[in-house]
Protein backbone atom coordinates (compact mmCIF):
# COMPACT_ATOMS: atom_id res chain seq x y z
CA ILE A 1 21.67 -15.18 -3.66
CA TYR A 2 22.40 -11.35 -4.32
CA PRO A 3 25.34 -10.77 -4.49
CA GLU A 4 24.83 -6.40 -5.53
CA LEU A 5 24.04 -6.48 -1.61
CA GLY A 6 27.80 -6.99 -0.90
CA GLN A 7 28.11 -3.11 -1.77
CA ILE A 8 25.88 -3.48 1.72
CA LYS A 9 27.80 -6.02 3.71
CA PRO A 10 30.47 -3.70 4.65
CA LEU A 11 28.09 -0.83 6.16
CA VAL A 12 26.71 -3.04 8.69
CA THR A 13 27.63 -2.47 11.89
CA SER A 14 24.87 -3.71 14.85
CA SER A 15 22.30 -5.90 15.07
CA VAL A 16 18.81 -4.92 14.53
CA ARG A 17 15.38 -5.71 17.03
CA VAL A 18 12.51 -6.70 15.07
CA TYR A 19 9.09 -4.91 16.66
CA ARG A 20 5.23 -5.58 15.07
CA LEU A 21 3.83 -2.27 15.66
CA ILE A 22 -0.07 -1.93 16.37
CA TYR A 23 -1.72 2.29 15.58
CA LYS A 24 -5.04 3.95 15.18
CA THR A 25 -4.86 5.47 11.20
CA GLU A 26 -8.31 5.61 9.71
CA VAL A 27 -9.73 4.63 6.70
CA ASN A 28 -13.19 6.55 5.44
CA ASP A 29 -13.14 8.58 8.27
CA ARG A 30 -13.76 5.57 10.98
CA GLU A 31 -10.88 5.30 13.20
CA ILE A 32 -9.22 1.74 12.82
CA ARG A 33 -5.88 0.06 14.20
CA ALA A 34 -3.43 -0.92 11.94
CA SER A 35 0.16 -2.01 11.82
CA GLY A 36 3.73 -3.31 10.38
CA LEU A 37 7.45 -3.66 11.64
CA ILE A 38 10.27 -1.47 13.10
CA CYS A 39 13.64 -2.51 12.37
CA LEU A 40 15.81 -0.84 15.83
CA PRO A 41 19.85 -0.45 15.50
CA GLY A 42 20.78 -2.54 18.05
CA ASN A 43 23.52 0.05 19.19
CA GLU A 44 22.03 3.43 20.66
CA GLY A 45 22.27 6.49 19.40
CA GLY A 46 19.98 8.43 17.56
CA TYR A 47 19.27 7.45 13.68
CA PRO A 48 17.40 8.35 10.41
CA VAL A 49 14.39 7.07 9.06
CA LEU A 50 13.79 4.76 6.24
CA CYS A 51 10.46 3.69 5.57
CA PHE A 52 10.02 0.66 3.24
CA GLN A 53 6.48 0.55 1.19
CA ASN A 54 6.27 -2.58 -0.07
CA GLY A 55 5.02 -4.39 -4.15
CA THR A 56 1.49 -5.64 -4.19
CA ASN A 57 0.16 -8.38 -1.97
CA THR A 58 -3.27 -10.05 -2.30
CA GLU A 59 -2.01 -12.04 1.38
CA ASN A 60 -2.48 -11.46 4.80
CA SER A 61 -0.23 -14.62 5.71
CA ASN A 62 2.53 -12.14 3.40
CA ALA A 63 2.24 -8.74 4.68
CA PRO A 64 5.29 -7.44 6.28
CA SER A 65 4.01 -7.80 10.46
CA GLU A 66 2.85 -11.52 9.36
CA PHE A 67 5.55 -13.07 7.45
CA PHE A 68 8.57 -11.06 8.78
CA THR A 69 11.11 -14.05 8.37
CA SER A 70 10.08 -13.59 4.91
CA PRO A 71 13.85 -12.96 2.31
CA LEU A 72 12.16 -9.98 0.88
CA TYR A 73 11.20 -8.52 4.57
CA GLN A 74 14.59 -9.63 5.95
CA MET A 75 16.45 -7.66 3.42
CA VAL A 76 14.91 -4.56 3.71
CA GLU A 77 14.80 -5.42 8.13
CA VAL A 78 18.57 -5.67 7.79
CA VAL A 79 19.04 -2.02 7.18
CA ALA A 80 18.66 -1.11 10.25
CA SER A 81 21.83 -2.46 10.79
CA THR A 82 23.18 0.21 8.88
CA GLY A 83 22.61 2.42 11.04
CA TYR A 84 18.66 3.64 9.85
CA ILE A 85 15.25 3.14 11.54
CA VAL A 86 13.88 0.44 8.94
CA VAL A 87 10.11 1.27 9.10
CA ILE A 88 7.14 -1.63 7.03
CA PRO A 89 4.14 -0.29 6.72
CA ASP A 90 1.47 -3.24 6.16
CA TYR A 91 -1.13 -1.15 4.30
CA PRO A 92 -4.44 -1.75 6.07
CA GLY A 93 -6.60 -4.14 4.70
CA PHE A 94 -3.83 -6.82 5.87
CA GLY A 95 -1.97 -7.53 9.47
CA GLU A 96 -3.97 -5.86 11.96
CA SER A 97 -6.78 -4.99 10.06
CA ALA A 98 -7.10 -7.69 7.65
CA ALA A 99 -11.01 -7.17 7.99
CA ILE A 100 -11.16 -4.69 5.21
CA PRO A 101 -10.26 -4.39 1.89
CA HIS A 102 -6.98 -3.41 0.90
CA PRO A 103 -7.55 -0.33 -0.49
CA TYR A 104 -5.71 -0.75 -3.42
CA LEU A 105 -3.38 2.26 -5.47
CA VAL A 106 -6.53 4.31 -3.33
CA LYS A 107 -4.11 7.74 -2.20
CA GLU A 108 -5.74 8.69 0.74
CA PRO A 109 -5.42 5.72 2.76
CA THR A 110 -2.78 5.13 1.87
CA VAL A 111 -1.05 7.82 2.46
CA ARG A 112 -2.68 8.69 5.75
CA SER A 113 -2.02 5.44 6.83
CA ILE A 114 2.17 5.23 6.31
CA THR A 115 2.37 8.34 7.90
CA ASP A 116 0.42 8.12 11.18
CA MET A 117 3.01 4.88 11.57
CA LEU A 118 5.75 7.59 11.06
CA TYR A 119 3.37 9.15 14.24
CA ALA A 120 3.26 6.32 15.88
CA LEU A 121 6.89 5.51 15.26
CA ASN A 122 7.94 8.88 17.94
CA GLU A 123 4.79 7.36 20.95
CA VAL A 124 7.50 4.08 21.40
CA PRO A 125 7.86 3.77 25.25
CA ALA A 126 11.51 3.98 25.23
CA GLU A 127 11.87 1.01 27.13
CA ILE A 128 11.45 -1.04 24.25
CA MET A 129 13.66 1.64 22.11
CA ASP A 130 16.27 0.75 25.22
CA GLY A 131 18.83 3.72 24.17
CA VAL A 132 17.61 3.66 20.42
CA SER A 133 16.33 7.77 19.24
CA VAL A 134 14.60 9.34 16.15
CA LEU A 135 16.55 11.99 14.65
CA ASN A 136 13.91 13.97 12.45
CA GLU A 137 15.26 12.38 8.94
CA TYR A 138 12.61 10.78 7.03
CA ASN A 139 13.89 8.29 4.06
CA LEU A 140 11.69 6.80 2.15
CA ILE A 141 11.44 3.88 -0.51
CA GLY A 142 9.46 1.40 -2.50
CA TYR A 143 8.51 -0.68 -5.76
CA SER A 144 5.73 -1.52 -7.60
CA GLN A 145 2.79 -0.62 -6.02
CA GLY A 146 5.44 0.23 -3.13
CA GLY A 147 6.57 2.92 -5.28
CA TRP A 148 3.57 4.82 -6.14
CA ALA A 149 3.10 4.79 -2.28
CA THR A 150 6.58 6.78 -1.82
CA LEU A 151 6.36 9.23 -4.71
CA ALA A 152 2.47 9.69 -3.30
CA LEU A 153 3.97 10.21 0.59
CA HIS A 154 7.23 11.88 -1.07
CA LYS A 155 4.38 14.86 -2.61
CA ALA A 156 2.58 14.51 0.68
CA LEU A 157 5.20 14.80 3.52
CA GLU A 158 6.80 18.15 1.07
CA LEU A 159 3.51 19.94 0.65
CA ASP A 160 0.98 18.67 3.69
CA TYR A 161 2.79 17.94 6.33
CA ASP A 162 3.92 21.67 8.38
CA ASN A 163 6.99 20.24 8.33
CA ASP A 164 6.47 17.84 10.53
CA PHE A 165 8.64 15.40 8.91
CA ASN A 166 11.86 16.37 7.45
CA LEU A 167 12.37 14.05 4.24
CA LYS A 168 15.97 13.88 3.18
CA GLY A 169 15.28 11.36 0.26
CA SER A 170 13.28 8.59 -1.90
CA VAL A 171 13.76 5.86 -4.42
CA CYS A 172 10.32 5.13 -6.96
CA GLY A 173 10.69 2.15 -7.85
CA ALA A 174 8.89 0.73 -10.82
CA GLY A 175 5.42 2.39 -10.00
CA PRO A 176 2.59 2.50 -11.38
CA TYR A 177 2.28 6.79 -10.65
CA ASN A 178 0.07 7.83 -13.87
CA MET A 179 -2.61 5.43 -13.18
CA SER A 180 -4.50 6.11 -17.11
CA LEU A 181 -2.04 5.22 -18.48
CA LEU A 182 -1.40 1.98 -16.69
CA PHE A 183 -5.41 0.81 -17.18
CA ASN A 184 -4.60 1.63 -20.53
CA THR A 185 -1.94 -0.09 -20.94
CA MET A 186 -3.42 -3.22 -19.35
CA ILE A 187 -6.60 -3.15 -21.28
CA ASP A 188 -4.74 -2.04 -24.89
CA ASN A 189 -4.27 -5.83 -26.30
CA GLU A 190 -6.23 -8.66 -26.37
CA TYR A 191 -4.50 -10.21 -23.36
CA TYR A 192 -2.89 -9.31 -20.42
CA SER A 193 -0.57 -11.33 -18.94
CA MET A 194 -1.65 -10.53 -14.50
CA PRO A 195 -5.34 -10.32 -14.52
CA VAL A 196 -4.72 -10.34 -10.57
CA TYR A 197 -4.01 -6.22 -11.26
CA LEU A 198 -7.04 -5.39 -13.07
CA GLY A 199 -9.06 -7.23 -10.67
CA TYR A 200 -7.46 -5.84 -7.75
CA ILE A 201 -8.04 -2.17 -8.60
CA ILE A 202 -11.67 -2.74 -10.18
CA ASN A 203 -12.57 -4.17 -6.41
CA ALA A 204 -11.00 -1.77 -3.97
CA TYR A 205 -11.88 0.90 -6.23
CA SER A 206 -15.66 -0.22 -5.62
CA ALA A 207 -15.31 -1.14 -1.92
CA TYR A 208 -13.84 2.61 -1.74
CA ASP A 209 -16.04 4.20 -3.52
CA GLN A 210 -13.67 5.39 -6.50
CA PHE A 211 -16.76 5.11 -8.95
CA THR A 212 -20.67 5.04 -9.54
CA ASN A 213 -20.33 2.22 -11.80
CA GLU A 214 -21.53 -1.79 -10.57
CA VAL A 215 -18.65 -4.02 -10.94
CA ASP A 216 -20.70 -6.11 -13.67
CA GLU A 217 -20.40 -2.61 -16.03
CA ILE A 218 -16.70 -3.25 -16.00
CA LEU A 219 -16.24 -7.24 -15.23
CA ASN A 220 -18.23 -10.35 -16.98
CA GLN A 221 -19.48 -12.75 -15.01
CA PRO A 222 -18.39 -15.10 -13.76
CA TYR A 223 -16.08 -12.47 -12.71
CA ALA A 224 -17.69 -9.70 -12.01
CA ASP A 225 -19.68 -11.67 -8.67
CA LEU A 226 -16.46 -13.65 -7.55
CA LEU A 227 -14.23 -10.67 -7.45
CA PRO A 228 -14.95 -9.53 -3.76
CA SER A 229 -14.00 -13.93 -2.82
CA LEU A 230 -10.65 -13.74 -4.79
CA TYR A 231 -9.17 -10.71 -2.80
CA SER A 232 -10.16 -11.71 0.72
CA GLY A 233 -6.69 -11.60 1.45
CA GLU A 234 -6.32 -15.71 1.64
CA LEU A 235 -5.38 -16.34 -2.68
CA SER A 236 -1.85 -16.00 -4.16
CA SER A 237 -1.04 -13.93 -6.88
CA GLY A 238 -1.44 -17.06 -9.20
CA GLU A 239 -4.17 -18.40 -7.76
CA ILE A 240 -6.14 -15.00 -8.61
CA ASN A 241 -4.64 -14.93 -11.84
CA ALA A 242 -5.83 -18.62 -12.37
CA GLU A 243 -9.24 -17.57 -11.70
CA LEU A 244 -9.53 -15.11 -13.68
CA THR A 245 -8.56 -14.58 -17.71
CA THR A 246 -5.82 -13.70 -18.90
CA SER A 247 -8.29 -12.31 -22.07
CA ILE A 248 -9.56 -8.82 -21.78
CA PRO A 249 -12.19 -9.27 -23.72
CA GLY A 250 -13.04 -12.09 -21.86
CA LEU A 251 -12.44 -10.81 -18.48
CA LEU A 252 -14.20 -7.25 -19.76
CA THR A 253 -17.47 -6.26 -20.79
CA PRO A 254 -18.09 -4.98 -24.46
CA GLY A 255 -19.42 -1.18 -23.46
CA PHE A 256 -16.78 -1.52 -21.05
CA ILE A 257 -13.79 -1.91 -24.11
CA GLU A 258 -15.56 0.59 -26.02
CA GLY A 259 -16.45 2.99 -23.82
CA PHE A 260 -13.61 3.83 -21.79
CA ALA A 261 -12.18 6.23 -23.39
CA GLY A 262 -14.22 8.39 -23.74
CA SER A 263 -18.20 6.63 -22.77
CA PRO A 264 -20.12 9.29 -20.05
CA VAL A 265 -21.12 6.15 -18.81
CA TYR A 266 -17.70 5.46 -17.55
CA ALA A 267 -16.96 8.80 -16.45
CA THR A 268 -16.46 8.37 -12.25
CA VAL A 269 -13.72 4.91 -13.66
CA ARG A 270 -11.65 7.89 -15.54
CA GLU A 271 -12.01 10.73 -12.80
CA ALA A 272 -11.12 7.63 -10.24
CA LEU A 273 -7.51 6.65 -12.04
CA SER A 274 -6.55 10.12 -12.03
CA GLU A 275 -6.91 11.12 -8.73
CA ASN A 276 -5.20 8.38 -7.83
CA SER A 277 -2.11 9.40 -10.20
CA ILE A 278 0.83 11.49 -8.49
CA THR A 279 1.35 14.47 -10.31
CA GLY A 280 4.80 16.59 -11.11
CA TRP A 281 5.12 19.03 -9.25
CA LYS A 282 9.11 20.65 -8.34
CA THR A 283 10.26 19.06 -5.34
CA GLU A 284 13.18 20.54 -3.63
CA VAL A 285 14.11 16.86 -1.78
CA PRO A 286 15.99 14.43 -3.39
CA LEU A 287 14.40 12.00 -5.92
CA PHE A 288 15.64 8.65 -7.79
CA PHE A 289 13.29 7.18 -10.12
CA VAL A 290 14.24 3.33 -11.49
CA HIS A 291 12.81 0.78 -13.13
CA GLY A 292 13.51 -2.22 -15.70
CA ASP A 293 13.12 -1.32 -18.75
CA SER A 294 11.60 -4.48 -20.17
CA ASP A 295 8.87 -4.20 -17.92
CA THR A 296 5.81 -6.14 -18.78
CA GLN A 297 3.93 -5.75 -15.53
CA VAL A 298 4.11 -1.68 -15.16
CA ASP A 299 5.07 -0.03 -18.24
CA PRO A 300 8.30 1.81 -18.08
CA SER A 301 6.77 4.97 -19.84
CA THR A 302 4.88 5.61 -16.26
CA THR A 303 8.13 6.32 -15.01
CA ILE A 304 10.19 8.04 -18.06
CA ASN A 305 6.20 10.31 -17.79
CA ILE A 306 6.80 11.28 -14.34
CA TYR A 307 10.63 12.41 -14.50
CA ASP A 308 9.70 14.64 -17.27
CA GLU A 309 6.71 16.16 -15.66
CA MET A 310 8.65 16.40 -12.73
CA ILE A 311 11.20 18.28 -14.56
CA GLU A 312 8.90 19.82 -16.52
CA ALA A 313 7.15 21.05 -13.15
CA GLY A 314 10.65 23.66 -12.52
CA THR A 315 12.06 20.06 -10.61
CA SER A 316 16.15 19.93 -10.85
CA ALA A 317 18.09 17.05 -12.96
CA GLY A 318 20.62 17.62 -9.87
CA ILE A 319 17.19 17.14 -7.31
CA CYS A 320 15.13 14.25 -9.65
CA SER A 321 17.34 11.31 -11.60
CA LYS A 322 15.97 8.53 -12.82
CA GLU A 323 17.62 4.97 -13.89
CA MET A 324 16.56 2.42 -16.67
CA ILE A 325 17.19 -1.27 -16.21
CA PRO A 326 18.64 -2.94 -19.36
CA GLY A 327 16.59 -6.01 -19.99
CA ALA A 328 14.62 -5.91 -16.79
CA ASP A 329 11.30 -6.98 -16.38
CA HIS A 330 9.05 -6.16 -13.75
CA GLY A 331 10.61 -9.08 -10.93
CA ASP A 332 13.99 -8.49 -12.49
CA GLY A 333 14.23 -5.07 -10.85
CA VAL A 334 13.00 -5.28 -6.75
CA VAL A 335 16.97 -5.90 -5.81
CA PRO A 336 19.00 -3.65 -8.78
CA CYS A 337 16.10 -0.72 -7.32
CA MET A 338 17.22 -1.31 -3.77
CA VAL A 339 20.85 -1.95 -3.74
CA MET A 340 20.95 1.83 -6.02
CA GLY A 341 18.59 3.58 -3.47
CA LEU A 342 20.05 2.02 -0.43
CA ILE A 343 23.30 3.90 -1.23
CA PHE A 344 21.21 6.54 -2.72
CA LEU A 345 19.92 7.58 0.32
CA MET A 346 23.49 6.94 2.24
CA ASN A 347 24.90 9.25 -0.13
CA LEU A 348 22.94 12.16 0.13
């Protein structure tokens, strides 16, 4: 199906064992049980960690630990056979924590939950590890929402965790790193083809008190009242799109369209988008950005801009690089990002 994976196939050296890991983390200062997958090489030895952050998902049944036989997740799980311990978080709101809203593109609970899973990996009983040990070498890769989560995690592990994790390198694919820019590109036209993303952001930011506005100040009815039921973990992106509208004036209130850019009424919305964006900094750890240059869902300018920010902040061009995939829309970029990203990490 994916001829590009022929570049990875010769590197396969073992079988893979896949486990569901349940661990503790905190969301809004409340302890919860979260979950994800760990994938162990079949051969004994010490292995570096590869942590994969998946893209936008609205269905609990499609979360990594709920649908571990998904071809997408299997493509990641099998990477363990090339000499990594692969970690695939569910994110809060899925798997073991399906009863709470998913903090979609909310930075703090996302980073905290992934980091706690990395800590928990080191507590897996020896009888499960069966001769496999965790080296203090961490590699990160993700696409779309996962690209954003990967960059946020990279920055946190490098700057905020006192060298608990020896970060070796990261690959970020088509992520909405600048949330303000993403939101502007979504609402700046008469139509937006994926209203599911807009609704997801508004629902999560409302549920996690990221702004003070009521949802019906942002969304027209009946969409404002429908929102929590649409993002209950039972509907697909396509089903949610069908319940919303691709018309921006039909979806968003006139007051929000007119006032989003500068009205004090929507100041906390702007602040929330800014606070959940990822700004450039001087990284000392290899970082690779990938994005399709024809992406209609996450504007390619998000990647171009964050790369420029990283360089302007003092990051060496030898440390940070980017690849724009010619002619690739959002879905087209997933496999090339994974293949190029894995080769990048393996070559470090």
